[in-house]
Amino acid sequence: MMFWIAAGVFALMVLVTLIAAYLRPRAADVPAAAYDLQVYRDQLAELDRDLARGLVAEDDAAQARTEIARRILEADRAVKAARAQDTARGTPDRVLMGAALTGVIAGTVGVYLWVGAPGTPDMPLQLRIAQIEELRATRPAQAEAEAQVPFRQAVPEDPQRARLVEQLRTVMEQRPDDPEGLRLLAANEAALGNFRAARLAQERFIALLGDDATGRAHIDLAEMMILAAGGYVSPEAEAALTRGLTLAPQDGAARYYAGLMFAQQGRPDLAFPVWRNLLADSPPDAPWIDPILLQIEEVAWRAGSQIDVDALVQPGRPARPGPSQDDLDAAAEMPEDARLAMIEGMVQGLAARLAEEGGPPEDWARLISSYILLGREDLAWPIFQEALDVFAGTPAALAPIQEAGRPLTATTE
């Protein structure tokens, strides 16, 4: 309320200043005859002084006074005529200005009464937070959110992977309680963009594991739920995310989605520090860097903070996923043909990326392990040697590469 009182006082001060400036007479508004009239009156006074000092004869003074009086009468008539004309011309202008000012004031008040809340008292911060929490508690569930997302048939970039996933679905129909197969199915359904199917498989996978489910498993489930709901963080996704962060508090993806959840729910004051700290902790090629940089400036502004986006961690090249060690281990439980075909499809993309763009040592180690699992030591060995050369100057980076190549070196000893 105090804000609106102050705003009204300032608006009234501006209005009075504008009206005073408009009504103040300007030099251009004074008719020329008015100056002549003042000159004639000065001449008449000067003539009287000259006559008193004896500088002008009485007859000459009378004649001059008559002429000056005549000119004064003419100038006075000209002044009155000019002022009458100005008044007639100025009246519509003043009426127009008055109407414009009245319209502005009335329009402002009308708009505020329409879109504002003039009867609403000041809302304390705690009350606003309480309302946000109430809206959070009643927000749509996962199933409702998914129903509102239009279905789009995924178009796989790799037709071979799509065929392999079809085979995996068939296998899992026959082995519905195989947790490793479910995990692999969820991951590949998500890779194809079938997020609802991925979510269902991941839920089943976690249910089978029970308390043994890792933080990563719960975080993957939360991500699948969010993607299936078009980016919306449902109560179910929040529960999975909370469980994942409890088990893996430093997981970057989970921290990103936690910030997204707070931003969606009207709590930028919580979202901003989560994302700011995540940027400080993340490598430049982390996949959540770009999404955060696109949103954090607005979130910081809404949180009442200032941030220099250019000073933040600059986004690097996002890493595209290859098969993880868990993928390789899970594939070992599949039928031989499906296992080999699945791994080959995933390895091809990783090998192409490393050949074209390079990557972190973990990706090189993953590629070496994949080739060994496929029985292609002839391909794994040159990759192993190349990785040792690439990271020769970084001893810490050599550890995962040497571990992955241990089966190769064991056979040569």
Protein backbone atom coordinates (compact mmCIF):
# COMPACT_ATOMS: atom_id res chain seq x y z
CA MET A 1 0.00 0.00 0.00
CA MET A 2 2.82 2.43 0.83
CA PHE A 3 4.24 1.88 -2.65
CA TRP A 4 1.00 2.95 -4.32
CA ILE A 5 0.69 6.02 -2.08
CA ALA A 6 4.24 7.07 -2.97
CA ALA A 7 3.60 6.38 -6.66
CA GLY A 8 0.42 8.52 -6.54
CA VAL A 9 2.23 11.43 -4.88
CA PHE A 10 5.01 11.36 -7.47
CA ALA A 11 2.49 11.16 -10.31
CA LEU A 12 0.61 14.19 -8.91
CA MET A 13 3.85 16.18 -8.64
CA VAL A 14 4.69 15.45 -12.26
CA LEU A 15 1.18 16.43 -13.34
CA VAL A 16 1.33 19.79 -11.50
CA THR A 17 4.74 20.50 -13.02
CA LEU A 18 3.43 19.86 -16.54
CA ILE A 19 0.37 22.06 -16.04
CA ALA A 20 2.46 24.91 -14.58
CA ALA A 21 4.89 24.73 -17.48
CA TYR A 22 2.03 24.83 -19.98
CA LEU A 23 0.27 27.78 -18.36
CA ARG A 24 3.40 29.88 -17.85
CA PRO A 25 3.41 32.76 -20.35
CA ARG A 26 6.14 32.70 -22.95
CA ALA A 27 7.85 35.59 -24.64
CA ALA A 28 6.38 34.59 -27.97
CA ASP A 29 2.86 34.97 -26.50
CA VAL A 30 3.30 38.78 -25.82
CA PRO A 31 2.01 40.86 -28.81
CA ALA A 32 4.39 43.37 -30.43
CA ALA A 33 1.99 46.26 -29.76
CA ALA A 34 2.53 45.80 -26.04
CA TYR A 35 6.18 46.79 -26.45
CA ASP A 36 5.16 49.84 -28.48
CA LEU A 37 2.69 50.82 -25.80
CA GLN A 38 5.42 50.77 -23.15
CA VAL A 39 7.69 52.89 -25.39
CA TYR A 40 4.99 55.54 -25.91
CA ARG A 41 4.33 55.76 -22.19
CA ASP A 42 8.05 56.24 -21.53
CA GLN A 43 8.11 58.99 -24.21
CA LEU A 44 5.19 60.74 -22.56
CA ALA A 45 6.94 60.68 -19.17
CA GLU A 46 10.17 61.97 -20.74
CA LEU A 47 8.25 64.82 -22.42
CA ASP A 48 6.83 65.94 -19.06
CA ARG A 49 10.32 66.00 -17.55
CA ASP A 50 11.71 68.06 -20.47
CA LEU A 51 8.83 70.51 -20.13
CA ALA A 52 9.47 70.93 -16.39
CA ARG A 53 13.14 71.69 -17.02
CA GLY A 54 12.27 74.23 -19.70
CA LEU A 55 13.85 72.27 -22.51
CA VAL A 56 10.63 72.17 -24.58
CA ALA A 57 8.15 75.00 -25.27
CA GLU A 58 4.58 74.61 -24.03
CA ASP A 59 3.07 74.60 -27.52
CA ASP A 60 5.53 72.03 -28.82
CA ALA A 61 4.95 69.87 -25.74
CA ALA A 62 1.16 69.99 -26.23
CA GLN A 63 1.47 69.01 -29.87
CA ALA A 64 3.88 66.11 -29.05
CA ARG A 65 1.65 64.94 -26.20
CA THR A 66 -1.33 64.77 -28.56
CA GLU A 67 0.61 62.67 -31.07
CA ILE A 68 1.92 60.31 -28.37
CA ALA A 69 -1.58 59.91 -26.90
CA ARG A 70 -2.92 59.00 -30.34
CA ARG A 71 -0.24 56.32 -30.75
CA ILE A 72 -0.94 54.99 -27.24
CA LEU A 73 -4.63 54.56 -28.09
CA GLU A 74 -3.78 52.70 -31.31
CA ALA A 75 -1.26 50.42 -29.54
CA ASP A 76 -3.75 49.71 -26.75
CA ARG A 77 -6.41 48.68 -29.27
CA ALA A 78 -3.85 46.41 -31.01
CA VAL A 79 -2.88 44.77 -27.71
CA LYS A 80 -6.51 44.07 -26.78
CA ALA A 81 -7.23 42.63 -30.22
CA ALA A 82 -4.15 40.35 -30.10
CA ARG A 83 -4.99 39.08 -26.64
CA ALA A 84 -8.57 38.38 -27.62
CA GLN A 85 -7.35 36.40 -30.61
CA ASP A 86 -4.84 34.42 -28.47
CA THR A 87 -7.54 33.64 -25.94
CA ALA A 88 -9.88 32.36 -28.64
CA ARG A 89 -7.11 30.24 -30.15
CA GLY A 90 -5.76 28.99 -26.79
CA THR A 91 -9.05 27.79 -25.36
CA PRO A 92 -9.26 24.65 -27.55
CA ASP A 93 -5.61 23.87 -26.75
CA ARG A 94 -6.26 24.04 -23.03
CA VAL A 95 -9.40 21.97 -23.43
CA LEU A 96 -7.46 19.40 -25.44
CA MET A 97 -4.66 19.27 -22.87
CA GLY A 98 -7.13 18.93 -20.03
CA ALA A 99 -8.93 16.15 -21.86
CA ALA A 100 -5.63 14.36 -22.56
CA LEU A 101 -4.50 14.57 -18.94
CA THR A 102 -7.90 13.42 -17.74
CA GLY A 103 -7.78 10.50 -20.18
CA VAL A 104 -4.31 9.46 -19.05
CA ILE A 105 -5.30 9.54 -15.39
CA ALA A 106 -8.59 7.75 -15.99
CA GLY A 107 -6.91 5.16 -18.23
CA THR A 108 -4.20 4.47 -15.66
CA VAL A 109 -6.72 4.01 -12.88
CA GLY A 110 -8.92 1.86 -15.13
CA VAL A 111 -6.07 -0.43 -16.16
CA TYR A 112 -5.01 -0.87 -12.56
CA LEU A 113 -8.57 -1.68 -11.49
CA TRP A 114 -8.77 -4.20 -14.35
CA VAL A 115 -5.46 -6.05 -14.01
CA GLY A 116 -4.41 -5.00 -10.51
CA ALA A 117 -5.67 -5.77 -7.05
CA PRO A 118 -6.39 -2.45 -5.33
CA GLY A 119 -7.93 -4.10 -2.29
CA THR A 120 -5.11 -6.56 -1.73
CA PRO A 121 -2.90 -5.74 1.26
CA ASP A 122 0.85 -6.12 1.28
CA MET A 123 1.84 -9.80 1.20
CA PRO A 124 4.64 -10.76 3.58
CA LEU A 125 7.37 -13.03 2.26
CA GLN A 126 6.35 -15.91 4.50
CA LEU A 127 2.77 -15.73 3.23
CA ARG A 128 3.95 -15.80 -0.38
CA ILE A 129 6.16 -18.80 0.35
CA ALA A 130 3.22 -20.52 2.02
CA GLN A 131 1.07 -19.96 -1.07
CA ILE A 132 3.84 -21.34 -3.29
CA GLU A 133 4.09 -24.43 -1.11
CA GLU A 134 0.32 -24.88 -1.33
CA LEU A 135 0.48 -24.70 -5.13
CA ARG A 136 3.39 -27.15 -5.08
CA ALA A 137 1.40 -29.64 -3.08
CA THR A 138 -1.55 -29.49 -5.49
CA ARG A 139 0.34 -29.43 -8.78
CA PRO A 140 -0.50 -32.06 -11.48
CA ALA A 141 0.70 -35.61 -11.03
CA GLN A 142 3.01 -37.39 -13.48
CA ALA A 143 0.24 -39.22 -15.34
CA GLU A 144 -1.76 -36.02 -15.79
CA ALA A 145 1.27 -34.14 -17.03
CA GLU A 146 2.18 -36.88 -19.52
CA ALA A 147 -1.39 -36.89 -20.84
CA GLN A 148 -1.06 -33.20 -21.70
CA VAL A 149 2.10 -33.73 -23.74
CA PRO A 150 1.20 -34.49 -27.37
CA PHE A 151 2.51 -37.85 -28.50
CA ARG A 152 5.20 -37.70 -31.15
CA GLN A 153 6.52 -40.86 -32.72
CA ALA A 154 10.26 -40.91 -32.21
CA VAL A 155 12.31 -41.03 -35.39
CA PRO A 156 15.50 -42.94 -34.51
CA GLU A 157 18.73 -41.56 -35.91
CA ASP A 158 20.11 -45.09 -35.94
CA PRO A 159 17.65 -47.60 -37.48
CA GLN A 160 19.87 -50.43 -36.33
CA ARG A 161 19.47 -49.36 -32.71
CA ALA A 162 15.69 -49.21 -33.16
CA ARG A 163 15.70 -52.80 -34.42
CA LEU A 164 17.85 -53.89 -31.50
CA VAL A 165 15.50 -52.23 -29.02
CA GLU A 166 12.62 -54.13 -30.60
CA GLN A 167 14.53 -57.34 -29.95
CA LEU A 168 15.23 -56.25 -26.38
CA ARG A 169 11.52 -55.59 -25.79
CA THR A 170 10.75 -59.11 -26.94
CA VAL A 171 13.40 -60.54 -24.65
CA MET A 172 12.06 -58.58 -21.67
CA GLU A 173 8.54 -59.82 -22.28
CA GLN A 174 9.91 -63.27 -21.65
CA ARG A 175 12.09 -62.14 -18.73
CA PRO A 176 10.07 -59.39 -17.00
CA ASP A 177 11.93 -59.74 -13.70
CA ASP A 178 15.43 -59.36 -15.09
CA PRO A 179 16.67 -56.10 -13.47
CA GLU A 180 19.69 -55.67 -15.73
CA GLY A 181 17.61 -56.16 -18.84
CA LEU A 182 15.06 -53.64 -17.56
CA ARG A 183 17.77 -51.09 -16.89
CA LEU A 184 19.20 -51.54 -20.36
CA LEU A 185 15.74 -51.34 -21.90
CA ALA A 186 14.96 -48.10 -20.03
CA ALA A 187 18.24 -46.53 -21.13
CA ASN A 188 17.72 -47.40 -24.79
CA GLU A 189 14.05 -46.42 -24.84
CA ALA A 190 15.16 -43.03 -23.52
CA ALA A 191 17.88 -42.84 -26.19
CA LEU A 192 15.19 -43.34 -28.83
CA GLY A 193 13.01 -40.62 -27.28
CA ASN A 194 10.39 -43.03 -25.92
CA PHE A 195 10.49 -41.44 -22.48
CA ARG A 196 7.23 -42.84 -21.14
CA ALA A 197 8.27 -46.39 -22.02
CA ALA A 198 11.68 -45.66 -20.52
CA ARG A 199 10.06 -44.39 -17.35
CA LEU A 200 7.91 -47.50 -16.98
CA ALA A 201 10.91 -49.80 -17.46
CA GLN A 202 13.00 -47.79 -15.00
CA GLU A 203 10.23 -47.87 -12.38
CA ARG A 204 10.07 -51.64 -12.70
CA PHE A 205 13.86 -51.86 -12.48
CA ILE A 206 13.95 -49.85 -9.22
CA ALA A 207 11.04 -51.81 -7.78
CA LEU A 208 12.96 -55.06 -8.32
CA LEU A 209 16.11 -53.68 -6.71
CA GLY A 210 14.30 -52.15 -3.74
CA ASP A 211 16.71 -50.61 -1.23
CA ASP A 212 19.65 -51.69 -3.38
CA ALA A 213 18.74 -49.17 -6.10
CA THR A 214 21.52 -46.62 -6.50
CA GLY A 215 21.20 -42.86 -6.50
CA ARG A 216 21.96 -42.91 -10.22
CA ALA A 217 18.98 -45.20 -10.82
CA HIS A 218 16.61 -42.83 -9.03
CA ILE A 219 18.08 -39.81 -10.83
CA ASP A 220 17.66 -41.54 -14.19
CA LEU A 221 14.03 -42.21 -13.30
CA ALA A 222 13.48 -38.56 -12.38
CA GLU A 223 15.02 -37.44 -15.68
CA MET A 224 12.83 -39.84 -17.68
CA MET A 225 9.75 -38.56 -15.86
CA ILE A 226 10.67 -34.93 -16.53
CA LEU A 227 11.31 -35.59 -20.22
CA ALA A 228 8.10 -37.62 -20.54
CA ALA A 229 6.19 -34.67 -19.03
CA GLY A 230 7.68 -32.16 -21.45
CA GLY A 231 10.15 -30.68 -18.95
CA TYR A 232 7.71 -30.45 -16.05
CA VAL A 233 8.87 -31.68 -12.62
CA SER A 234 5.94 -33.62 -11.15
CA PRO A 235 5.59 -34.69 -7.50
CA GLU A 236 6.68 -38.19 -8.49
CA ALA A 237 9.73 -36.84 -10.31
CA GLU A 238 10.55 -34.70 -7.29
CA ALA A 239 10.36 -37.76 -5.03
CA ALA A 240 12.74 -39.71 -7.29
CA LEU A 241 15.04 -36.71 -7.52
CA THR A 242 15.08 -36.27 -3.74
CA ARG A 243 15.91 -39.93 -3.24
CA GLY A 244 18.67 -39.73 -5.85
CA LEU A 245 20.23 -36.64 -4.24
CA THR A 246 20.11 -38.33 -0.84
CA LEU A 247 22.20 -41.19 -2.21
CA ALA A 248 24.33 -39.13 -4.62
CA PRO A 249 24.34 -35.50 -3.40
CA GLN A 250 27.03 -34.36 -5.86
CA ASP A 251 25.38 -35.72 -9.01
CA GLY A 252 25.39 -32.92 -11.57
CA ALA A 253 22.25 -33.94 -13.45
CA ALA A 254 20.28 -34.23 -10.22
CA ARG A 255 21.42 -30.79 -9.08
CA TYR A 256 20.43 -29.31 -12.42
CA TYR A 257 16.93 -30.76 -12.22
CA ALA A 258 16.64 -29.63 -8.60
CA GLY A 259 17.32 -26.06 -9.72
CA LEU A 260 14.84 -26.45 -12.56
CA MET A 261 12.20 -27.68 -10.10
CA PHE A 262 12.69 -24.65 -7.83
CA ALA A 263 12.58 -22.26 -10.80
CA GLN A 264 9.32 -23.79 -12.04
CA GLN A 265 7.74 -23.58 -8.59
CA GLY A 266 8.35 -19.86 -8.10
CA ARG A 267 11.40 -20.21 -5.85
CA PRO A 268 14.22 -18.54 -7.82
CA ASP A 269 15.88 -17.78 -4.47
CA LEU A 270 16.51 -21.53 -4.14
CA ALA A 271 17.16 -22.27 -7.82
CA PHE A 272 19.86 -19.63 -8.24
CA PRO A 273 22.35 -20.88 -5.60
CA VAL A 274 21.88 -24.47 -6.75
CA TRP A 275 22.77 -23.61 -10.35
CA ARG A 276 25.52 -21.14 -9.41
CA ASN A 277 27.29 -23.73 -7.27
CA LEU A 278 26.80 -26.41 -9.91
CA LEU A 279 28.47 -24.21 -12.52
CA ALA A 280 31.42 -23.71 -10.21
CA ASP A 281 31.77 -27.47 -9.64
CA SER A 282 31.28 -28.64 -13.24
CA PRO A 283 33.78 -29.30 -16.00
CA PRO A 284 33.31 -27.10 -19.07
CA ASP A 285 31.89 -29.93 -21.18
CA ALA A 286 29.15 -30.93 -18.71
CA PRO A 287 25.83 -31.35 -20.55
CA TRP A 288 23.91 -29.13 -18.11
CA ILE A 289 26.15 -26.09 -18.66
CA ASP A 290 24.26 -24.78 -21.70
CA PRO A 291 20.75 -25.12 -20.22
CA ILE A 292 21.84 -23.35 -17.03
CA LEU A 293 23.50 -20.47 -18.87
CA LEU A 294 20.33 -19.94 -20.89
CA GLN A 295 18.23 -19.50 -17.75
CA ILE A 296 20.39 -18.40 -14.83
CA GLU A 297 20.45 -14.69 -15.67
CA GLU A 298 16.66 -14.44 -15.45
CA VAL A 299 16.56 -16.66 -12.37
CA ALA A 300 19.18 -14.47 -10.69
CA TRP A 301 17.18 -11.33 -11.51
CA ARG A 302 13.99 -12.85 -10.11
CA ALA A 303 15.92 -13.86 -6.99
CA GLY A 304 17.11 -10.28 -6.51
CA SER A 305 20.74 -11.12 -7.27
CA GLN A 306 23.21 -9.90 -9.83
CA ILE A 307 25.38 -12.17 -11.90
CA ASP A 308 27.97 -11.74 -14.64
CA VAL A 309 27.16 -14.51 -17.11
CA ASP A 310 30.40 -13.94 -19.02
CA ALA A 311 32.37 -14.70 -15.86
CA LEU A 312 30.70 -18.08 -15.37
CA VAL A 313 32.05 -21.40 -16.55
CA GLN A 314 32.00 -21.23 -20.31
CA PRO A 315 30.18 -24.09 -22.00
CA GLY A 316 32.35 -26.56 -23.81
CA ARG A 317 31.60 -29.31 -26.23
CA PRO A 318 28.76 -31.44 -24.85
CA ALA A 319 29.70 -35.06 -24.58
CA ARG A 320 27.52 -37.45 -26.50
CA PRO A 321 26.84 -40.68 -24.69
CA GLY A 322 28.55 -43.93 -25.49
CA PRO A 323 28.00 -47.28 -23.75
CA SER A 324 28.82 -47.10 -20.04
CA GLN A 325 30.46 -49.94 -18.15
CA ASP A 326 27.06 -50.73 -16.67
CA ASP A 327 25.68 -51.02 -20.21
CA LEU A 328 28.45 -53.44 -21.11
CA ASP A 329 27.94 -55.53 -17.99
CA ALA A 330 24.18 -55.67 -18.55
CA ALA A 331 24.61 -56.64 -22.17
CA ALA A 332 26.64 -59.64 -21.05
CA GLU A 333 23.40 -61.13 -19.66
CA MET A 334 21.57 -60.90 -22.99
CA PRO A 335 21.39 -63.57 -25.69
CA GLU A 336 24.61 -63.67 -27.68
CA ASP A 337 23.31 -62.26 -30.98
CA ALA A 338 21.35 -59.43 -29.36
CA ARG A 339 24.21 -58.67 -26.99
CA LEU A 340 26.81 -58.30 -29.72
CA ALA A 341 24.56 -56.31 -32.01
CA MET A 342 23.54 -53.96 -29.20
CA ILE A 343 27.11 -53.27 -28.14
CA GLU A 344 28.32 -52.80 -31.71
CA GLY A 345 25.62 -50.22 -32.37
CA MET A 346 26.59 -48.21 -29.30
CA VAL A 347 30.33 -48.54 -29.85
CA GLN A 348 30.21 -47.24 -33.42
CA GLY A 349 28.94 -43.84 -32.31
CA LEU A 350 31.54 -43.55 -29.54
CA ALA A 351 34.40 -44.55 -31.84
CA ALA A 352 33.33 -42.03 -34.48
CA ARG A 353 33.17 -39.21 -31.94
CA LEU A 354 36.57 -39.97 -30.45
CA ALA A 355 38.12 -40.16 -33.92
CA GLU A 356 36.64 -36.81 -34.97
CA GLU A 357 36.61 -34.76 -31.76
CA GLY A 358 38.52 -36.62 -29.06
CA GLY A 359 37.15 -36.88 -25.54
CA PRO A 360 37.93 -37.44 -21.85
CA PRO A 361 39.96 -40.48 -20.75
CA GLU A 362 36.83 -42.21 -19.46
CA ASP A 363 35.42 -42.34 -23.01
CA TRP A 364 38.64 -43.83 -24.35
CA ALA A 365 38.58 -46.45 -21.58
CA ARG A 366 34.95 -47.21 -22.40
CA LEU A 367 35.76 -47.77 -26.06
CA ILE A 368 38.68 -50.08 -25.21
CA SER A 369 36.48 -52.15 -22.86
CA SER A 370 33.75 -52.35 -25.49
CA TYR A 371 36.09 -53.72 -28.14
CA ILE A 372 37.50 -56.27 -25.68
CA LEU A 373 33.98 -57.41 -24.78
CA LEU A 374 33.23 -57.84 -28.48
CA GLY A 375 36.32 -59.96 -28.86
CA ARG A 376 37.95 -57.35 -31.10
CA GLU A 377 41.33 -57.06 -29.39
CA ASP A 378 42.77 -56.18 -32.79
CA LEU A 379 40.75 -52.93 -32.64
CA ALA A 380 41.15 -52.37 -28.90
CA TRP A 381 44.96 -52.50 -28.97
CA PRO A 382 45.59 -49.53 -31.35
CA ILE A 383 42.97 -47.50 -29.48
CA PHE A 384 44.74 -48.33 -26.22
CA GLN A 385 48.11 -47.25 -27.61
CA GLU A 386 46.68 -44.05 -29.04
CA ALA A 387 45.02 -43.17 -25.72
CA LEU A 388 48.32 -43.69 -23.88
CA ASP A 389 49.98 -41.27 -26.30
CA VAL A 390 47.20 -38.68 -26.06
CA PHE A 391 47.26 -38.57 -22.25
CA ALA A 392 50.96 -39.26 -21.74
CA GLY A 393 51.45 -35.90 -20.04
CA THR A 394 48.57 -36.41 -17.58
CA PRO A 395 49.29 -39.32 -15.20
CA ALA A 396 45.89 -39.06 -13.50
CA ALA A 397 44.13 -39.49 -16.84
CA LEU A 398 46.09 -42.65 -17.62
CA ALA A 399 44.62 -44.63 -14.70
CA PRO A 400 41.20 -45.47 -16.27
CA ILE A 401 42.86 -46.16 -19.64
CA GLN A 402 45.40 -48.55 -18.15
CA GLU A 403 42.67 -50.29 -16.15
CA ALA A 404 40.58 -50.77 -19.29
CA GLY A 405 43.59 -52.11 -21.21
CA ARG A 406 44.68 -54.52 -18.48
CA PRO A 407 43.34 -57.60 -20.37
CA LEU A 408 45.40 -56.53 -23.39
CA THR A 409 48.63 -56.11 -21.49
CA ALA A 410 48.05 -59.36 -19.59
CA THR A 411 48.00 -61.33 -22.83
CA THR A 412 51.29 -59.80 -24.00
CA GLU A 413 53.20 -60.54 -20.79
